[in-house]
Amino acid sequence: MTLGIVKRTEDDLTQWLATESGFISGLCQYDNEPVVLEPYQQSFLGNRSRFRWVAKSRQVGFSFLFALEALARCHLRDGHTSVFVSYNLSDAVEKVLIARQVYEELPLAFKKKLVTDAKTELAFESNSRGRRLSRIISVPAKPPRGKRGDVYLDELAHLVSDREVYTGSTALILRSHGQLTGGSTPLGRRGIFWEIDTQELRKYPHHTRQMVPWWLCRFFSLDVRRAAVEAPLMSTEERVARFGRPVLVEQFDSLPQEDFQQEFECLLRRRVVLLPPLRAHPPVHHRRVAAGPGRLRRARAPGAPGRGLRRGPHPRPLGAGRLRGDGGPLHVPHDEELRGCPLR
């Protein structure tokens, strides 16, 4: 049997470089070394779903991949915008820094002109007649309203306002026909990331899901191909001993098994959190004093006296009365109910 070599034409090369995977693999370098994509990273780049959802291990390169995909799309498309929402400002700056560094190492013939170079934003000017701008914008954990394009919600499960961020991000992909990507290490059975990833509460039929545990990454696994088939059928101790590299074994020995499974194997921790006992609000004492044509009630709460008015409904609203600065908060009705009532 003879093996034939099929030569690629210039058109094949051009079509390959016009894809995100080809642009990154063929043109991008990081620290003066070519970027080599993992199989799960290539699968992610080829996913054209409007909603991409990735449950991942720590340190498998998805934050890095998000920055590379955004940079590639800014060079392959005119007027494209990629928006990152990160855990905090430091992480937001880090993604822009990665894209900036890879941009510097691109071949000059494929570079667009960099016209905005800030810590949280990069803008590239198109070489075409329209001179349209393509941008990479990175913000800390808040809904990115007022923009449109691709949205990357990195470590969504760890955001305090995760639901607000997700709700405020979905509309950004409507007019731009972009993609919304949620990627995170799991954090228990809570939050919008867990709801969409597991669909235990309701169905999310338009989201495609991808799970990337440690044994699919060649930095952690001795044999990725065999581990992809055999590791899911093993216990944690067995797969770490069989496929784990020394750096992974050190992590396993340094963490409780529950924490290791959640951080590196995408398994949800079932730890019970003990909350402090609830305390009833201290009672409010009322006493009546004479004032003008009627009688009023002044509310005094235990503790240090306060000042000010509390407007709005009250179980026993006041008609009118005089205000004293040392009597604690005073409940009064709405303005309409006080019209025509004498105050002194």
C-alpha atoms as a PDB file:
ATOM      1  CA  MET A   1       0.000   0.000   0.000  1.00  0.00           C
ATOM      2  CA  THR A   2       1.430   3.372  -0.995  1.00  0.00           C
ATOM      3  CA  LEU A   3       0.626   6.593   0.774  1.00  0.00           C
ATOM      4  CA  GLY A   4      -0.154   9.594  -1.380  1.00  0.00           C
ATOM      5  CA  ILE A   5       0.498  13.185  -0.418  1.00  0.00           C
ATOM      6  CA  VAL A   6      -2.267  15.568  -1.347  1.00  0.00           C
ATOM      7  CA  LYS A   7      -0.925  19.057  -1.923  1.00  0.00           C
ATOM      8  CA  ARG A   8      -3.059  21.975  -0.943  1.00  0.00           C
ATOM      9  CA  THR A   9      -3.635  24.827  -3.324  1.00  0.00           C
ATOM     10  CA  GLU A  10      -3.376  28.542  -2.612  1.00  0.00           C
ATOM     11  CA  ASP A  11      -7.154  28.724  -2.401  1.00  0.00           C
ATOM     12  CA  ASP A  12      -7.194  26.002   0.247  1.00  0.00           C
ATOM     13  CA  LEU A  13      -4.623  27.910   2.278  1.00  0.00           C
ATOM     14  CA  THR A  14      -6.579  31.133   1.924  1.00  0.00           C
ATOM     15  CA  GLN A  15      -9.817  29.463   3.024  1.00  0.00           C
ATOM     16  CA  TRP A  16      -8.057  27.890   6.014  1.00  0.00           C
ATOM     17  CA  LEU A  17      -6.511  31.197   7.105  1.00  0.00           C
ATOM     18  CA  ALA A  18      -9.942  32.829   6.783  1.00  0.00           C
ATOM     19  CA  THR A  19     -11.229  30.704   9.671  1.00  0.00           C
ATOM     20  CA  GLU A  20     -10.543  31.484  13.321  1.00  0.00           C
ATOM     21  CA  SER A  21      -8.782  28.144  13.821  1.00  0.00           C
ATOM     22  CA  GLY A  22      -6.598  28.624  10.739  1.00  0.00           C
ATOM     23  CA  PHE A  23      -5.777  32.253  11.573  1.00  0.00           C
ATOM     24  CA  ILE A  24      -4.687  31.325  15.106  1.00  0.00           C
ATOM     25  CA  SER A  25      -2.770  28.167  14.152  1.00  0.00           C
ATOM     26  CA  GLY A  26      -1.152  29.617  11.053  1.00  0.00           C
ATOM     27  CA  LEU A  27      -0.342  33.199  12.069  1.00  0.00           C
ATOM     28  CA  CYS A  28      -0.427  33.642  15.855  1.00  0.00           C
ATOM     29  CA  GLN A  29       2.513  33.296  18.208  1.00  0.00           C
ATOM     30  CA  TYR A  30       2.777  33.759  21.956  1.00  0.00           C
ATOM     31  CA  ASP A  31       6.127  34.275  23.668  1.00  0.00           C
ATOM     32  CA  ASN A  32       7.798  33.670  20.282  1.00  0.00           C
ATOM     33  CA  GLU A  33       6.286  30.197  19.973  1.00  0.00           C
ATOM     34  CA  PRO A  34       3.510  29.144  17.560  1.00  0.00           C
ATOM     35  CA  VAL A  35       0.104  28.656  19.152  1.00  0.00           C
ATOM     36  CA  VAL A  36      -0.868  24.963  19.111  1.00  0.00           C
ATOM     37  CA  LEU A  37      -4.572  24.389  19.709  1.00  0.00           C
ATOM     38  CA  GLU A  38      -5.953  21.463  21.682  1.00  0.00           C
ATOM     39  CA  PRO A  39      -8.697  19.349  20.041  1.00  0.00           C
ATOM     40  CA  TYR A  40     -11.336  20.745  22.415  1.00  0.00           C
ATOM     41  CA  GLN A  41     -10.208  24.283  21.531  1.00  0.00           C
ATOM     42  CA  GLN A  42     -10.585  23.579  17.815  1.00  0.00           C
ATOM     43  CA  SER A  43     -14.018  22.119  18.499  1.00  0.00           C
ATOM     44  CA  PHE A  44     -14.987  25.287  20.359  1.00  0.00           C
ATOM     45  CA  LEU A  45     -13.807  27.533  17.521  1.00  0.00           C
ATOM     46  CA  GLY A  46     -15.862  25.539  15.037  1.00  0.00           C
ATOM     47  CA  ASN A  47     -19.064  25.870  17.076  1.00  0.00           C
ATOM     48  CA  ARG A  48     -21.429  28.324  15.347  1.00  0.00           C
ATOM     49  CA  SER A  49     -24.275  28.172  17.860  1.00  0.00           C
ATOM     50  CA  ARG A  50     -25.658  31.459  19.117  1.00  0.00           C
ATOM     51  CA  PHE A  51     -25.158  30.328  22.734  1.00  0.00           C
ATOM     52  CA  ARG A  52     -21.997  28.387  23.683  1.00  0.00           C
ATOM     53  CA  TRP A  53     -21.703  27.018  27.203  1.00  0.00           C
ATOM     54  CA  VAL A  54     -18.418  25.548  28.525  1.00  0.00           C
ATOM     55  CA  ALA A  55     -17.894  23.850  31.890  1.00  0.00           C
ATOM     56  CA  LYS A  56     -14.139  23.594  32.215  1.00  0.00           C
ATOM     57  CA  SER A  57     -11.272  22.654  34.448  1.00  0.00           C
ATOM     58  CA  ARG A  58      -8.883  25.237  35.789  1.00  0.00           C
ATOM     59  CA  GLN A  59      -5.950  26.229  33.586  1.00  0.00           C
ATOM     60  CA  VAL A  60      -7.051  24.522  30.358  1.00  0.00           C
ATOM     61  CA  GLY A  61      -6.629  27.677  28.268  1.00  0.00           C
ATOM     62  CA  PHE A  62     -10.119  29.008  27.623  1.00  0.00           C
ATOM     63  CA  SER A  63      -9.508  32.578  28.775  1.00  0.00           C
ATOM     64  CA  PHE A  64      -6.486  32.582  26.475  1.00  0.00           C
ATOM     65  CA  LEU A  65      -8.608  31.114  23.681  1.00  0.00           C
ATOM     66  CA  PHE A  66     -11.305  33.778  24.126  1.00  0.00           C
ATOM     67  CA  ALA A  67      -8.688  36.502  23.595  1.00  0.00           C
ATOM     68  CA  LEU A  68      -7.283  34.758  20.502  1.00  0.00           C
ATOM     69  CA  GLU A  69     -10.706  34.232  18.929  1.00  0.00           C
ATOM     70  CA  ALA A  70     -11.609  37.889  19.490  1.00  0.00           C
ATOM     71  CA  LEU A  71      -8.328  39.018  17.911  1.00  0.00           C
ATOM     72  CA  ALA A  72      -8.825  36.710  14.924  1.00  0.00           C
ATOM     73  CA  ARG A  73     -12.376  37.930  14.300  1.00  0.00           C
ATOM     74  CA  CYS A  74     -11.305  41.562  14.522  1.00  0.00           C
ATOM     75  CA  HIS A  75      -8.839  40.880  11.693  1.00  0.00           C
ATOM     76  CA  LEU A  76     -11.118  38.636   9.616  1.00  0.00           C
ATOM     77  CA  ARG A  77     -14.228  40.854   9.842  1.00  0.00           C
ATOM     78  CA  ASP A  78     -14.896  44.551   9.390  1.00  0.00           C
ATOM     79  CA  GLY A  79     -16.728  46.408  12.134  1.00  0.00           C
ATOM     80  CA  HIS A  80     -16.640  43.461  14.545  1.00  0.00           C
ATOM     81  CA  THR A  81     -16.872  43.924  18.325  1.00  0.00           C
ATOM     82  CA  SER A  82     -15.968  41.416  21.034  1.00  0.00           C
ATOM     83  CA  VAL A  83     -16.943  42.170  24.631  1.00  0.00           C
ATOM     84  CA  PHE A  84     -15.384  40.352  27.592  1.00  0.00           C
ATOM     85  CA  VAL A  85     -17.041  40.322  31.005  1.00  0.00           C
ATOM     86  CA  SER A  86     -14.545  39.152  33.600  1.00  0.00           C
ATOM     87  CA  TYR A  87     -14.484  38.387  37.309  1.00  0.00           C
ATOM     88  CA  ASN A  88     -12.755  41.663  38.206  1.00  0.00           C
ATOM     89  CA  LEU A  89     -10.781  44.502  36.644  1.00  0.00           C
ATOM     90  CA  SER A  90      -7.497  42.611  36.849  1.00  0.00           C
ATOM     91  CA  ASP A  91      -8.884  39.730  34.778  1.00  0.00           C
ATOM     92  CA  ALA A  92     -10.430  42.203  32.325  1.00  0.00           C
ATOM     93  CA  VAL A  93      -7.060  43.859  31.755  1.00  0.00           C
ATOM     94  CA  GLU A  94      -5.341  40.480  31.401  1.00  0.00           C
ATOM     95  CA  LYS A  95      -7.399  39.438  28.361  1.00  0.00           C
ATOM     96  CA  VAL A  96      -6.664  42.678  26.540  1.00  0.00           C
ATOM     97  CA  LEU A  97      -2.988  42.262  27.407  1.00  0.00           C
ATOM     98  CA  ILE A  98      -2.944  38.766  25.843  1.00  0.00           C
ATOM     99  CA  ALA A  99      -4.613  40.005  22.653  1.00  0.00           C
ATOM    100  CA  ARG A 100      -2.189  42.937  22.512  1.00  0.00           C
ATOM    101  CA  GLN A 101       0.856  40.694  22.864  1.00  0.00           C
ATOM    102  CA  VAL A 102      -0.310  38.246  20.190  1.00  0.00           C
ATOM    103  CA  TYR A 103      -1.114  41.174  17.880  1.00  0.00           C
ATOM    104  CA  GLU A 104       2.484  42.412  18.139  1.00  0.00           C
ATOM    105  CA  GLU A 105       3.767  39.039  16.911  1.00  0.00           C
ATOM    106  CA  LEU A 106       1.435  38.800  13.884  1.00  0.00           C
ATOM    107  CA  PRO A 107       3.032  38.986  10.413  1.00  0.00           C
ATOM    108  CA  LEU A 108       3.008  42.581   9.232  1.00  0.00           C
ATOM    109  CA  ALA A 109       1.114  41.752   6.038  1.00  0.00           C
ATOM    110  CA  PHE A 110      -1.897  40.503   8.036  1.00  0.00           C
ATOM    111  CA  LYS A 111      -2.041  43.242  10.657  1.00  0.00           C
ATOM    112  CA  LYS A 112      -4.720  45.860  10.836  1.00  0.00           C
ATOM    113  CA  LYS A 113      -3.756  49.278  12.103  1.00  0.00           C
ATOM    114  CA  LEU A 114      -4.106  49.619  15.876  1.00  0.00           C
ATOM    115  CA  VAL A 115      -5.833  52.950  16.542  1.00  0.00           C
ATOM    116  CA  THR A 116      -6.938  52.492  20.172  1.00  0.00           C
ATOM    117  CA  ASP A 117      -4.520  50.957  22.643  1.00  0.00           C
ATOM    118  CA  ALA A 118      -5.876  51.067  26.211  1.00  0.00           C
ATOM    119  CA  LYS A 119      -5.856  48.712  29.163  1.00  0.00           C
ATOM    120  CA  THR A 120      -9.460  47.652  28.605  1.00  0.00           C
ATOM    121  CA  GLU A 121      -9.952  48.294  24.877  1.00  0.00           C
ATOM    122  CA  LEU A 122      -8.237  47.684  21.541  1.00  0.00           C
ATOM    123  CA  ALA A 123      -9.526  49.054  18.231  1.00  0.00           C
ATOM    124  CA  PHE A 124      -8.265  48.071  14.779  1.00  0.00           C
ATOM    125  CA  GLU A 125      -8.874  50.068  11.598  1.00  0.00           C
ATOM    126  CA  SER A 126      -9.862  48.130   8.501  1.00  0.00           C
ATOM    127  CA  ASN A 127      -7.685  48.228   5.396  1.00  0.00           C
ATOM    128  CA  SER A 128     -10.769  48.467   3.184  1.00  0.00           C
ATOM    129  CA  ARG A 129     -12.241  51.689   1.811  1.00  0.00           C
ATOM    130  CA  GLY A 130     -14.724  52.166   4.647  1.00  0.00           C
ATOM    131  CA  ARG A 131     -12.010  52.206   7.351  1.00  0.00           C
ATOM    132  CA  ARG A 132     -14.405  50.590   9.805  1.00  0.00           C
ATOM    133  CA  LEU A 133     -13.215  49.809  13.319  1.00  0.00           C
ATOM    134  CA  SER A 134     -13.144  46.381  14.957  1.00  0.00           C
ATOM    135  CA  ARG A 135     -12.891  46.446  18.744  1.00  0.00           C
ATOM    136  CA  ILE A 136     -12.038  44.287  21.741  1.00  0.00           C
ATOM    137  CA  ILE A 137     -13.654  45.649  24.917  1.00  0.00           C
ATOM    138  CA  SER A 138     -13.114  44.157  28.355  1.00  0.00           C
ATOM    139  CA  VAL A 139     -15.149  45.141  31.419  1.00  0.00           C
ATOM    140  CA  PRO A 140     -15.316  43.875  35.014  1.00  0.00           C
ATOM    141  CA  ALA A 141     -18.384  42.074  36.334  1.00  0.00           C
ATOM    142  CA  LYS A 142     -21.278  44.219  35.127  1.00  0.00           C
ATOM    143  CA  PRO A 143     -23.863  43.970  32.321  1.00  0.00           C
ATOM    144  CA  PRO A 144     -22.264  45.333  29.099  1.00  0.00           C
ATOM    145  CA  ARG A 145     -25.237  47.407  27.934  1.00  0.00           C
ATOM    146  CA  GLY A 146     -25.064  49.810  25.021  1.00  0.00           C
ATOM    147  CA  LYS A 147     -22.888  47.583  22.839  1.00  0.00           C
ATOM    148  CA  ARG A 148     -23.389  44.772  20.351  1.00  0.00           C
ATOM    149  CA  GLY A 149     -21.272  41.929  19.042  1.00  0.00           C
ATOM    150  CA  ASP A 150     -19.839  38.752  20.510  1.00  0.00           C
ATOM    151  CA  VAL A 151     -20.000  38.418  24.300  1.00  0.00           C
ATOM    152  CA  TYR A 152     -17.717  36.282  26.485  1.00  0.00           C
ATOM    153  CA  LEU A 153     -18.818  35.716  30.092  1.00  0.00           C
ATOM    154  CA  ASP A 154     -15.674  34.340  31.705  1.00  0.00           C
ATOM    155  CA  GLU A 155     -15.945  32.526  35.066  1.00  0.00           C
ATOM    156  CA  LEU A 156     -19.650  33.354  35.151  1.00  0.00           C
ATOM    157  CA  ALA A 157     -20.364  30.985  38.056  1.00  0.00           C
ATOM    158  CA  HIS A 158     -18.050  33.029  40.282  1.00  0.00           C
ATOM    159  CA  LEU A 159     -19.661  36.421  39.654  1.00  0.00           C
ATOM    160  CA  VAL A 160     -21.734  37.848  42.496  1.00  0.00           C
ATOM    161  CA  SER A 161     -24.230  39.381  40.046  1.00  0.00           C
ATOM    162  CA  ASP A 162     -24.134  36.458  37.595  1.00  0.00           C
ATOM    163  CA  ARG A 163     -27.824  36.511  36.732  1.00  0.00           C
ATOM    164  CA  GLU A 164     -27.871  40.269  36.114  1.00  0.00           C
ATOM    165  CA  VAL A 165     -24.771  40.009  33.914  1.00  0.00           C
ATOM    166  CA  TYR A 166     -26.269  37.187  31.847  1.00  0.00           C
ATOM    167  CA  THR A 167     -29.631  38.932  31.495  1.00  0.00           C
ATOM    168  CA  GLY A 168     -27.991  42.178  30.424  1.00  0.00           C
ATOM    169  CA  SER A 169     -25.745  40.417  27.866  1.00  0.00           C
ATOM    170  CA  THR A 170     -28.146  38.330  25.796  1.00  0.00           C
ATOM    171  CA  ALA A 171     -29.515  41.251  23.782  1.00  0.00           C
ATOM    172  CA  LEU A 172     -26.035  42.223  22.524  1.00  0.00           C
ATOM    173  CA  ILE A 173     -25.995  39.389  19.980  1.00  0.00           C
ATOM    174  CA  LEU A 174     -29.360  40.172  18.363  1.00  0.00           C
ATOM    175  CA  ARG A 175     -28.578  42.799  15.716  1.00  0.00           C
ATOM    176  CA  SER A 176     -24.950  41.748  15.292  1.00  0.00           C
ATOM    177  CA  HIS A 177     -25.806  38.049  14.764  1.00  0.00           C
ATOM    178  CA  GLY A 178     -23.002  37.313  17.202  1.00  0.00           C
ATOM    179  CA  GLN A 179     -22.429  34.604  19.784  1.00  0.00           C
ATOM    180  CA  LEU A 180     -22.787  34.608  23.550  1.00  0.00           C
ATOM    181  CA  THR A 181     -20.258  32.385  25.313  1.00  0.00           C
ATOM    182  CA  GLY A 182     -20.429  31.392  28.959  1.00  0.00           C
ATOM    183  CA  GLY A 183     -17.365  29.610  30.290  1.00  0.00           C
ATOM    184  CA  SER A 184     -16.618  28.800  33.890  1.00  0.00           C
ATOM    185  CA  THR A 185     -15.350  26.364  36.455  1.00  0.00           C
ATOM    186  CA  PRO A 186     -18.459  25.117  38.327  1.00  0.00           C
ATOM    187  CA  LEU A 187     -19.277  26.508  41.756  1.00  0.00           C
ATOM    188  CA  GLY A 188     -21.920  24.316  43.360  1.00  0.00           C
ATOM    189  CA  ARG A 189     -25.591  23.935  42.527  1.00  0.00           C
ATOM    190  CA  ARG A 190     -26.454  27.592  42.301  1.00  0.00           C
ATOM    191  CA  GLY A 191     -26.529  30.461  39.848  1.00  0.00           C
ATOM    192  CA  ILE A 192     -27.405  30.930  36.214  1.00  0.00           C
ATOM    193  CA  PHE A 193     -24.344  29.039  34.951  1.00  0.00           C
ATOM    194  CA  TRP A 194     -25.401  25.876  36.803  1.00  0.00           C
ATOM    195  CA  GLU A 195     -29.023  26.258  35.666  1.00  0.00           C
ATOM    196  CA  ILE A 196     -28.091  26.433  31.993  1.00  0.00           C
ATOM    197  CA  ASP A 197     -25.342  23.817  32.166  1.00  0.00           C
ATOM    198  CA  THR A 198     -27.410  21.112  33.906  1.00  0.00           C
ATOM    199  CA  GLN A 199     -30.972  22.175  32.900  1.00  0.00           C
ATOM    200  CA  GLU A 200     -32.282  20.755  36.171  1.00  0.00           C
ATOM    201  CA  LEU A 201     -34.782  23.582  36.679  1.00  0.00           C
ATOM    202  CA  ARG A 202     -35.839  24.190  33.064  1.00  0.00           C
ATOM    203  CA  LYS A 203     -34.686  23.551  29.499  1.00  0.00           C
ATOM    204  CA  TYR A 204     -32.380  25.842  27.525  1.00  0.00           C
ATOM    205  CA  PRO A 205     -32.659  24.284  24.050  1.00  0.00           C
ATOM    206  CA  HIS A 206     -30.597  26.876  22.163  1.00  0.00           C
ATOM    207  CA  HIS A 207     -27.420  26.451  24.232  1.00  0.00           C
ATOM    208  CA  THR A 208     -24.747  23.977  23.121  1.00  0.00           C
ATOM    209  CA  ARG A 209     -22.684  22.550  25.972  1.00  0.00           C
ATOM    210  CA  GLN A 210     -19.085  21.454  26.198  1.00  0.00           C
ATOM    211  CA  MET A 211     -17.303  19.929  29.191  1.00  0.00           C
ATOM    212  CA  VAL A 212     -13.503  20.015  29.421  1.00  0.00           C
ATOM    213  CA  PRO A 213     -12.026  18.159  32.443  1.00  0.00           C
ATOM    214  CA  TRP A 214      -8.303  17.997  33.104  1.00  0.00           C
ATOM    215  CA  TRP A 215      -7.642  14.723  31.281  1.00  0.00           C
ATOM    216  CA  LEU A 216      -8.442  16.299  27.892  1.00  0.00           C
ATOM    217  CA  CYS A 217      -5.549  18.770  28.232  1.00  0.00           C
ATOM    218  CA  ARG A 218      -2.079  17.547  27.241  1.00  0.00           C
ATOM    219  CA  PHE A 219      -0.483  19.758  29.911  1.00  0.00           C
ATOM    220  CA  PHE A 220      -2.191  17.624  32.591  1.00  0.00           C
ATOM    221  CA  SER A 221      -2.714  14.263  30.867  1.00  0.00           C
ATOM    222  CA  LEU A 222      -0.095  11.714  29.801  1.00  0.00           C
ATOM    223  CA  ASP A 223      -2.294  10.230  27.061  1.00  0.00           C
ATOM    224  CA  VAL A 224      -5.184  12.429  25.965  1.00  0.00           C
ATOM    225  CA  ARG A 225      -6.656   9.988  23.439  1.00  0.00           C
ATOM    226  CA  ARG A 226      -6.862   7.048  25.838  1.00  0.00           C
ATOM    227  CA  ALA A 227      -7.945   9.248  28.725  1.00  0.00           C
ATOM    228  CA  ALA A 228     -10.853  10.625  26.700  1.00  0.00           C
ATOM    229  CA  VAL A 229     -12.230   7.066  26.443  1.00  0.00           C
ATOM    230  CA  GLU A 230     -11.178   5.450  29.726  1.00  0.00           C
ATOM    231  CA  ALA A 231     -10.986   8.238  32.317  1.00  0.00           C
ATOM    232  CA  PRO A 232     -14.763   8.924  32.577  1.00  0.00           C
ATOM    233  CA  LEU A 233     -15.276   5.298  33.680  1.00  0.00           C
ATOM    234  CA  MET A 234     -12.681   5.497  36.475  1.00  0.00           C
ATOM    235  CA  SER A 235     -12.749   6.961  39.937  1.00  0.00           C
ATOM    236  CA  THR A 236     -10.846  10.171  40.628  1.00  0.00           C
ATOM    237  CA  GLU A 237      -7.966   8.344  42.322  1.00  0.00           C
ATOM    238  CA  GLU A 238      -7.639   5.846  39.459  1.00  0.00           C
ATOM    239  CA  ARG A 239      -7.556   8.376  36.625  1.00  0.00           C
ATOM    240  CA  VAL A 240      -5.132  10.657  38.451  1.00  0.00           C
ATOM    241  CA  ALA A 241      -2.777   7.716  39.034  1.00  0.00           C
ATOM    242  CA  ARG A 242      -3.179   6.418  35.468  1.00  0.00           C
ATOM    243  CA  PHE A 243      -3.155   9.587  33.361  1.00  0.00           C
ATOM    244  CA  GLY A 244      -2.097  12.482  35.569  1.00  0.00           C
ATOM    245  CA  ARG A 245       1.186  14.267  35.053  1.00  0.00           C
ATOM    246  CA  PRO A 246       3.244  15.184  38.159  1.00  0.00           C
ATOM    247  CA  VAL A 247       1.833  18.730  38.275  1.00  0.00           C
ATOM    248  CA  LEU A 248      -1.707  17.306  38.348  1.00  0.00           C
ATOM    249  CA  VAL A 249      -0.824  14.727  40.999  1.00  0.00           C
ATOM    250  CA  GLU A 250       0.519  17.543  43.177  1.00  0.00           C
ATOM    251  CA  GLN A 251      -2.796  19.369  42.871  1.00  0.00           C
ATOM    252  CA  PHE A 252      -4.693  16.207  43.797  1.00  0.00           C
ATOM    253  CA  ASP A 253      -2.532  15.705  46.902  1.00  0.00           C
ATOM    254  CA  SER A 254      -2.889  19.355  47.919  1.00  0.00           C
ATOM    255  CA  LEU A 255      -6.706  19.642  47.821  1.00  0.00           C
ATOM    256  CA  PRO A 256      -9.632  17.854  49.454  1.00  0.00           C
ATOM    257  CA  GLN A 257     -11.155  15.451  46.954  1.00  0.00           C
ATOM    258  CA  GLU A 258     -14.411  17.438  46.714  1.00  0.00           C
ATOM    259  CA  ASP A 259     -12.504  20.616  45.870  1.00  0.00           C
ATOM    260  CA  PHE A 260     -10.289  18.844  43.349  1.00  0.00           C
ATOM    261  CA  GLN A 261     -13.303  17.325  41.599  1.00  0.00           C
ATOM    262  CA  GLN A 262     -14.982  20.696  41.283  1.00  0.00           C
ATOM    263  CA  GLU A 263     -11.887  22.641  40.229  1.00  0.00           C
ATOM    264  CA  PHE A 264     -10.459  20.100  37.766  1.00  0.00           C
ATOM    265  CA  GLU A 265     -13.161  17.542  36.896  1.00  0.00           C
ATOM    266  CA  CYS A 266     -16.271  19.762  36.538  1.00  0.00           C
ATOM    267  CA  LEU A 267     -18.107  17.856  39.269  1.00  0.00           C
ATOM    268  CA  LEU A 268     -20.364  19.833  41.564  1.00  0.00           C
ATOM    269  CA  ARG A 269     -19.528  19.985  45.229  1.00  0.00           C
ATOM    270  CA  ARG A 270     -22.309  19.073  47.662  1.00  0.00           C
ATOM    271  CA  ARG A 271     -20.907  20.847  50.696  1.00  0.00           C
ATOM    272  CA  VAL A 272     -23.481  22.159  53.183  1.00  0.00           C
ATOM    273  CA  VAL A 273     -23.037  25.776  54.188  1.00  0.00           C
ATOM    274  CA  LEU A 274     -24.117  26.621  57.732  1.00  0.00           C
ATOM    275  CA  LEU A 275     -25.753  30.025  57.960  1.00  0.00           C
ATOM    276  CA  PRO A 276     -25.908  32.076  61.171  1.00  0.00           C
ATOM    277  CA  PRO A 277     -29.278  31.941  62.943  1.00  0.00           C
ATOM    278  CA  LEU A 278     -31.783  34.610  61.996  1.00  0.00           C
ATOM    279  CA  ARG A 279     -32.614  37.236  64.600  1.00  0.00           C
ATOM    280  CA  ALA A 280     -35.961  38.958  64.835  1.00  0.00           C
ATOM    281  CA  HIS A 281     -35.999  42.726  64.282  1.00  0.00           C
ATOM    282  CA  PRO A 282     -36.197  44.556  67.639  1.00  0.00           C
ATOM    283  CA  PRO A 283     -39.713  45.752  68.441  1.00  0.00           C
ATOM    284  CA  VAL A 284     -40.738  49.366  68.005  1.00  0.00           C
ATOM    285  CA  HIS A 285     -42.310  51.013  71.059  1.00  0.00           C
ATOM    286  CA  HIS A 286     -45.106  53.545  70.587  1.00  0.00           C
ATOM    287  CA  ARG A 287     -46.394  56.236  72.887  1.00  0.00           C
ATOM    288  CA  ARG A 288     -48.963  58.949  72.379  1.00  0.00           C
ATOM    289  CA  VAL A 289     -48.527  62.659  73.049  1.00  0.00           C
ATOM    290  CA  ALA A 290     -51.069  65.429  72.715  1.00  0.00           C
ATOM    291  CA  ALA A 291     -50.628  67.848  69.825  1.00  0.00           C
ATOM    292  CA  GLY A 292     -53.129  70.321  68.425  1.00  0.00           C
ATOM    293  CA  PRO A 293     -56.628  69.147  67.516  1.00  0.00           C
ATOM    294  CA  GLY A 294     -55.821  65.454  67.691  1.00  0.00           C
ATOM    295  CA  ARG A 295     -53.377  62.965  69.102  1.00  0.00           C
ATOM    296  CA  LEU A 296     -50.340  61.607  67.312  1.00  0.00           C
ATOM    297  CA  ARG A 297     -48.121  58.574  67.761  1.00  0.00           C
ATOM    298  CA  ARG A 298     -44.356  58.810  67.719  1.00  0.00           C
ATOM    299  CA  ALA A 299     -42.395  55.609  67.056  1.00  0.00           C
ATOM    300  CA  ARG A 300     -39.145  55.133  68.935  1.00  0.00           C
ATOM    301  CA  ALA A 301     -36.878  52.170  68.190  1.00  0.00           C
ATOM    302  CA  PRO A 302     -34.620  50.700  70.891  1.00  0.00           C
ATOM    303  CA  GLY A 303     -31.000  51.743  70.806  1.00  0.00           C
ATOM    304  CA  ALA A 304     -29.376  54.996  69.837  1.00  0.00           C
ATOM    305  CA  PRO A 305     -31.876  57.654  68.747  1.00  0.00           C
ATOM    306  CA  GLY A 306     -31.940  58.587  65.065  1.00  0.00           C
ATOM    307  CA  ARG A 307     -33.378  61.399  62.982  1.00  0.00           C
ATOM    308  CA  GLY A 308     -35.445  61.751  59.874  1.00  0.00           C
ATOM    309  CA  LEU A 309     -38.819  60.899  58.382  1.00  0.00           C
ATOM    310  CA  ARG A 310     -40.083  57.645  56.947  1.00  0.00           C
ATOM    311  CA  ARG A 311     -42.621  58.273  54.225  1.00  0.00           C
ATOM    312  CA  GLY A 312     -45.151  55.768  53.013  1.00  0.00           C
ATOM    313  CA  PRO A 313     -47.832  53.480  54.428  1.00  0.00           C
ATOM    314  CA  HIS A 314     -47.770  52.472  58.086  1.00  0.00           C
ATOM    315  CA  PRO A 315     -50.086  50.181  60.080  1.00  0.00           C
ATOM    316  CA  ARG A 316     -51.092  53.184  62.220  1.00  0.00           C
ATOM    317  CA  PRO A 317     -50.266  56.355  60.203  1.00  0.00           C
ATOM    318  CA  LEU A 318     -50.060  59.796  61.735  1.00  0.00           C
ATOM    319  CA  GLY A 319     -52.277  62.722  61.000  1.00  0.00           C
ATOM    320  CA  ALA A 320     -49.959  65.598  61.865  1.00  0.00           C
ATOM    321  CA  GLY A 321     -47.512  66.489  64.569  1.00  0.00           C
ATOM    322  CA  ARG A 322     -44.357  68.262  65.563  1.00  0.00           C
ATOM    323  CA  LEU A 323     -40.937  66.783  64.853  1.00  0.00           C
ATOM    324  CA  ARG A 324     -38.265  66.363  67.472  1.00  0.00           C
ATOM    325  CA  GLY A 325     -34.651  65.598  66.632  1.00  0.00           C
ATOM    326  CA  ASP A 326     -34.080  63.226  69.534  1.00  0.00           C
ATOM    327  CA  GLY A 327     -37.174  61.086  69.170  1.00  0.00           C
ATOM    328  CA  GLY A 328     -35.971  58.541  66.619  1.00  0.00           C
ATOM    329  CA  PRO A 329     -37.483  57.984  63.177  1.00  0.00           C
ATOM    330  CA  LEU A 330     -41.022  59.303  62.717  1.00  0.00           C
ATOM    331  CA  HIS A 331     -43.509  57.599  60.378  1.00  0.00           C
ATOM    332  CA  VAL A 332     -45.680  59.982  58.376  1.00  0.00           C
ATOM    333  CA  PRO A 333     -48.128  59.318  55.511  1.00  0.00           C
ATOM    334  CA  HIS A 334     -47.799  60.471  51.919  1.00  0.00           C
ATOM    335  CA  ASP A 335     -47.860  64.171  51.038  1.00  0.00           C
ATOM    336  CA  GLU A 336     -51.440  64.056  49.713  1.00  0.00           C
ATOM    337  CA  GLU A 337     -52.759  62.969  53.104  1.00  0.00           C
ATOM    338  CA  LEU A 338     -51.030  65.850  54.894  1.00  0.00           C
ATOM    339  CA  ARG A 339     -52.511  68.650  52.789  1.00  0.00           C
ATOM    340  CA  GLY A 340     -54.621  70.967  54.918  1.00  0.00           C
ATOM    341  CA  CYS A 341     -53.304  69.533  58.203  1.00  0.00           C
ATOM    342  CA  PRO A 342     -51.538  72.062  60.482  1.00  0.00           C
ATOM    343  CA  LEU A 343     -47.938  71.270  61.348  1.00  0.00           C
ATOM    344  CA  ARG A 344     -45.996  72.861  64.174  1.00  0.00           C
END
